[in-house]
């Protein structure tokens, strides 16, 4: 099965999951391209992918040169962002989808103000309170709300990763919790409501969509297994 066929199959699965979940808006496919070549990234964009998700700033810089003449492609940072990479990340990416602390949000806000732009972000929530993962804990709602008050970032929504257990019930609970946190925040902030939920990857994106995900991060299901791990 080639890339276009995989993409078509995934879109069909998304459509079915959207119907099951009563999803009222299109679900964005973010191609997770960690460890993929620049040629693979460009080929996926030419085949119809409009959102590229990269985990590493340095690796992404080389790949994005291959798609710089494709203005319809949104470049999304989806990995753990180190403080010393904030400036470069803001310059390189259109949005940062994995802001895991108020401290990081403030750094992005400060840099954005310096260069005269507003940076769209998603807040990463560690819904399972797993120590090996990054993100706001579910009870840190006040900190998340505080991020929405920063003037030079635009908090568009929330992101989470499914639990390491891979149990479908645990996964569904994790995704449902993120949706509830979004609803709670929106009740508090009034204007500039959060609209996006990024939850679901190759193994669990259908559950994510059934629970309200508006974005799914797909790597292996689109590209097949990576030959080498980076």
Protein backbone atom coordinates (compact mmCIF):
# COMPACT_ATOMS: atom_id res chain seq x y z
CA UNK A 1 0.00 0.00 0.00
CA UNK A 2 1.50 3.36 -1.00
CA UNK A 3 1.21 6.64 0.87
CA UNK A 4 -1.83 7.93 -0.98
CA UNK A 5 -3.70 4.68 -0.31
CA UNK A 6 -2.80 4.80 3.39
CA UNK A 7 -3.96 8.41 3.58
CA UNK A 8 -7.26 7.53 1.93
CA UNK A 9 -7.80 4.62 4.34
CA UNK A 10 -7.03 6.79 7.36
CA UNK A 11 -9.40 9.49 6.14
CA UNK A 12 -12.15 6.88 5.81
CA UNK A 13 -11.50 5.67 9.37
CA UNK A 14 -11.60 9.28 10.56
CA UNK A 15 -14.92 9.86 8.81
CA UNK A 16 -16.47 6.78 10.43
CA UNK A 17 -15.14 7.74 13.88
CA UNK A 18 -16.45 11.28 13.41
CA UNK A 19 -19.94 9.93 12.74
CA UNK A 20 -19.78 7.65 15.78
CA UNK A 21 -18.69 10.54 17.96
CA UNK A 22 -21.05 13.11 16.49
CA UNK A 23 -18.10 15.27 15.45
CA UNK A 24 -19.37 18.45 13.82
CA UNK A 25 -16.15 19.75 12.30
CA UNK A 26 -13.40 18.29 10.10
CA UNK A 27 -10.55 16.48 11.85
CA UNK A 28 -7.06 17.69 10.96
CA UNK A 29 -4.46 15.05 10.11
CA UNK A 30 -1.02 16.01 11.38
CA UNK A 31 1.64 13.89 9.71
CA UNK A 32 4.13 13.03 12.47
CA UNK A 33 7.40 13.00 10.54
CA UNK A 34 10.01 12.34 13.24
CA UNK A 35 12.78 10.26 11.71
CA UNK A 36 11.44 10.60 8.16
CA UNK A 37 13.52 11.99 5.31
CA UNK A 38 13.03 15.41 3.73
CA UNK A 39 11.93 13.66 0.56
CA UNK A 40 9.27 11.73 2.44
CA UNK A 41 7.99 14.92 4.05
CA UNK A 42 7.78 16.71 0.70
CA UNK A 43 6.10 13.72 -0.92
CA UNK A 44 3.46 13.57 1.79
CA UNK A 45 2.65 17.26 1.28
CA UNK A 46 2.37 16.81 -2.47
CA UNK A 47 -0.02 13.91 -1.79
CA UNK A 48 -2.35 16.12 0.21
CA UNK A 49 -0.99 16.49 3.74
CA UNK A 50 -1.48 20.07 4.98
CA UNK A 51 -0.02 19.79 8.50
CA UNK A 52 3.45 18.51 9.36
CA UNK A 53 4.32 17.69 12.98
CA UNK A 54 7.96 17.57 14.04
CA UNK A 55 9.45 16.71 17.45
CA UNK A 56 12.90 18.23 17.10
CA UNK A 57 13.80 21.75 16.07
CA UNK A 58 17.15 20.92 14.51
CA UNK A 59 15.86 17.96 12.52
CA UNK A 60 12.87 19.95 11.29
CA UNK A 61 14.95 22.84 9.96
CA UNK A 62 16.53 20.68 7.27
CA UNK A 63 13.25 19.09 6.25
CA UNK A 64 11.31 22.33 6.01
CA UNK A 65 13.69 23.63 3.38
CA UNK A 66 12.16 21.03 1.04
CA UNK A 67 8.63 22.38 1.52
CA UNK A 68 9.30 26.11 1.84
CA UNK A 69 7.63 26.74 -1.53
CA UNK A 70 4.44 24.96 -0.41
CA UNK A 71 2.66 27.77 1.48
CA UNK A 72 -0.42 25.70 2.29
CA UNK A 73 1.54 23.49 4.72
CA UNK A 74 1.29 24.31 8.44
CA UNK A 75 4.43 23.44 10.39
CA UNK A 76 3.58 22.27 13.90
CA UNK A 77 6.01 21.57 16.76
CA UNK A 78 4.71 18.53 18.67
CA UNK A 79 7.70 17.49 20.79
CA UNK A 80 9.16 18.51 24.13
CA UNK A 81 10.52 22.03 23.73
CA UNK A 82 13.70 22.91 25.60
CA UNK A 83 13.97 26.48 26.85
CA UNK A 84 17.11 27.15 24.84
CA UNK A 85 15.30 26.21 21.61
CA UNK A 86 12.34 28.58 22.06
CA UNK A 87 13.65 31.35 19.80
CA UNK A 88 14.50 29.00 16.95
CA UNK A 89 11.23 27.12 17.33
CA UNK A 90 9.15 30.29 17.05
CA UNK A 91 11.08 31.32 13.95
CA UNK A 92 10.71 27.93 12.29
CA UNK A 93 7.22 26.69 13.19
CA UNK A 94 3.76 28.13 12.64
CA UNK A 95 2.41 26.76 15.93
CA UNK A 96 3.71 25.05 19.07
CA UNK A 97 1.37 22.23 20.05
CA UNK A 98 3.14 20.98 23.19
CA UNK A 99 3.50 23.81 25.71
CA UNK A 100 3.85 21.86 28.95
CA UNK A 101 4.23 24.54 31.65
CA UNK A 102 3.37 28.13 32.44
CA UNK A 103 7.10 28.82 32.58
CA UNK A 104 7.48 27.74 28.94
CA UNK A 105 4.36 29.67 27.93
CA UNK A 106 5.85 32.84 29.42
CA UNK A 107 9.11 32.31 27.53
CA UNK A 108 7.22 31.92 24.26
CA UNK A 109 5.14 34.99 25.09
CA UNK A 110 8.24 37.07 25.84
CA UNK A 111 10.03 36.05 22.64
CA UNK A 112 6.89 36.59 20.57
CA UNK A 113 6.55 40.11 21.95
CA UNK A 114 10.17 40.85 21.09
CA UNK A 115 9.70 39.93 17.44
CA UNK A 116 6.22 41.44 17.17
CA UNK A 117 4.08 38.37 16.58
CA UNK A 118 1.39 36.29 18.26
CA UNK A 119 2.25 32.59 18.46
CA UNK A 120 -0.57 30.01 18.34
CA UNK A 121 -0.10 27.21 20.87
CA UNK A 122 -1.73 24.16 22.41
CA UNK A 123 -1.25 23.34 26.08
CA UNK A 124 -0.07 19.80 26.76
CA UNK A 125 -1.92 18.07 29.60
CA UNK A 126 -0.58 14.95 31.31
CA UNK A 127 -4.04 13.46 31.80
CA UNK A 128 -2.69 10.28 33.40
CA UNK A 129 -0.27 12.05 35.76
CA UNK A 130 2.47 9.78 34.41
CA UNK A 131 5.84 10.84 35.78
CA UNK A 132 7.68 9.97 32.57
CA UNK A 133 5.52 12.38 30.58
CA UNK A 134 5.48 16.16 30.34
CA UNK A 135 2.52 18.48 30.63
CA UNK A 136 0.21 20.30 33.00
CA UNK A 137 -1.50 17.98 35.45
CA UNK A 138 -5.30 17.91 35.14
CA UNK A 139 -5.81 19.85 38.38
CA UNK A 140 -3.60 22.74 37.21
CA UNK A 141 -6.54 24.43 35.51
CA UNK A 142 -5.70 27.82 37.00
CA UNK A 143 -2.22 27.69 35.48
CA UNK A 144 -3.71 26.81 32.10
CA UNK A 145 -6.16 29.68 32.41
CA UNK A 146 -3.29 32.01 33.26
CA UNK A 147 -1.63 31.03 29.97
CA UNK A 148 -4.71 32.30 28.12
CA UNK A 149 -4.13 35.77 29.58
CA UNK A 150 -0.67 36.18 28.03
CA UNK A 151 -0.89 38.77 25.26
CA UNK A 152 1.54 37.39 22.68
CA UNK A 153 0.40 33.79 22.53
CA UNK A 154 -2.95 32.46 21.36
CA UNK A 155 -4.01 29.33 23.22
CA UNK A 156 -6.04 27.44 20.63
CA UNK A 157 -6.67 24.29 22.63
CA UNK A 158 -5.23 21.32 24.50
CA UNK A 159 -3.14 18.28 23.66
CA UNK A 160 -2.53 14.95 25.38
CA UNK A 161 -1.02 11.56 24.71
CA UNK A 162 -2.84 8.32 25.44
CA UNK A 163 -1.72 6.29 28.46
CA UNK A 164 1.22 3.94 28.20
CA UNK A 165 -1.00 1.03 29.25
CA UNK A 166 -2.69 1.04 25.81
CA UNK A 167 -5.86 -0.23 27.49
CA UNK A 168 -8.78 1.14 25.45
CA UNK A 169 -10.80 2.03 28.53
CA UNK A 170 -7.87 3.95 30.00
CA UNK A 171 -7.31 5.67 26.67
CA UNK A 172 -10.94 6.72 26.39
CA UNK A 173 -10.94 8.01 29.98
CA UNK A 174 -7.78 10.02 29.27
CA UNK A 175 -9.27 11.63 26.18
CA UNK A 176 -12.63 12.26 27.83
CA UNK A 177 -10.83 14.00 30.69
CA UNK A 178 -9.06 16.35 28.28
CA UNK A 179 -12.40 17.29 26.75
CA UNK A 180 -13.81 18.02 30.21
CA UNK A 181 -10.79 20.18 31.08
CA UNK A 182 -11.33 22.18 27.90
CA UNK A 183 -14.99 22.68 28.81
CA UNK A 184 -14.04 23.77 32.32
CA UNK A 185 -11.52 26.29 31.04
CA UNK A 186 -14.00 27.69 28.52
CA UNK A 187 -16.55 28.23 31.29
CA UNK A 188 -13.97 30.34 33.12
CA UNK A 189 -12.38 32.42 30.36
CA UNK A 190 -15.39 33.74 28.47
CA UNK A 191 -14.00 35.16 25.23
CA UNK A 192 -11.28 33.52 23.12
CA UNK A 193 -12.62 30.04 23.76
CA UNK A 194 -10.41 27.00 23.27
CA UNK A 195 -11.48 25.18 20.13
CA UNK A 196 -8.98 22.38 19.49
CA UNK A 197 -8.28 19.03 21.11
CA UNK A 198 -5.23 17.20 19.78
CA UNK A 199 -5.51 13.62 20.97
CA UNK A 200 -4.97 10.37 19.18
CA UNK A 201 -2.05 8.82 17.31
CA UNK A 202 -1.72 5.86 14.96
CA UNK A 203 -2.94 3.30 17.50
CA UNK A 204 -5.75 5.24 19.12
CA UNK A 205 -6.86 8.12 16.89
CA UNK A 206 -10.36 6.71 16.39
CA UNK A 207 -10.98 6.74 20.14
CA UNK A 208 -9.66 10.30 20.22
CA UNK A 209 -12.11 11.41 17.54
CA UNK A 210 -15.03 9.66 19.25
CA UNK A 211 -14.16 11.70 22.36
CA UNK A 212 -14.00 15.01 20.50
CA UNK A 213 -10.52 15.28 19.02
CA UNK A 214 -10.16 17.88 16.27
CA UNK A 215 -6.56 16.91 15.45
CA UNK A 216 -4.80 13.54 15.23
CA UNK A 217 -1.04 12.99 15.01
CA UNK A 218 -0.37 10.11 12.64
CA UNK A 219 3.07 8.66 11.91
CA UNK A 220 3.37 4.88 11.54
CA UNK A 221 -0.11 4.40 10.06
CA UNK A 222 0.79 6.87 7.30
CA UNK A 223 4.42 6.07 6.64
CA UNK A 224 4.93 2.56 7.97
CA UNK A 225 7.50 1.64 10.63
CA UNK A 226 10.67 3.73 10.81
CA UNK A 227 13.74 1.82 9.69
CA UNK A 228 15.86 3.46 12.37
CA UNK A 229 14.99 5.13 15.63
CA UNK A 230 16.35 8.61 16.22
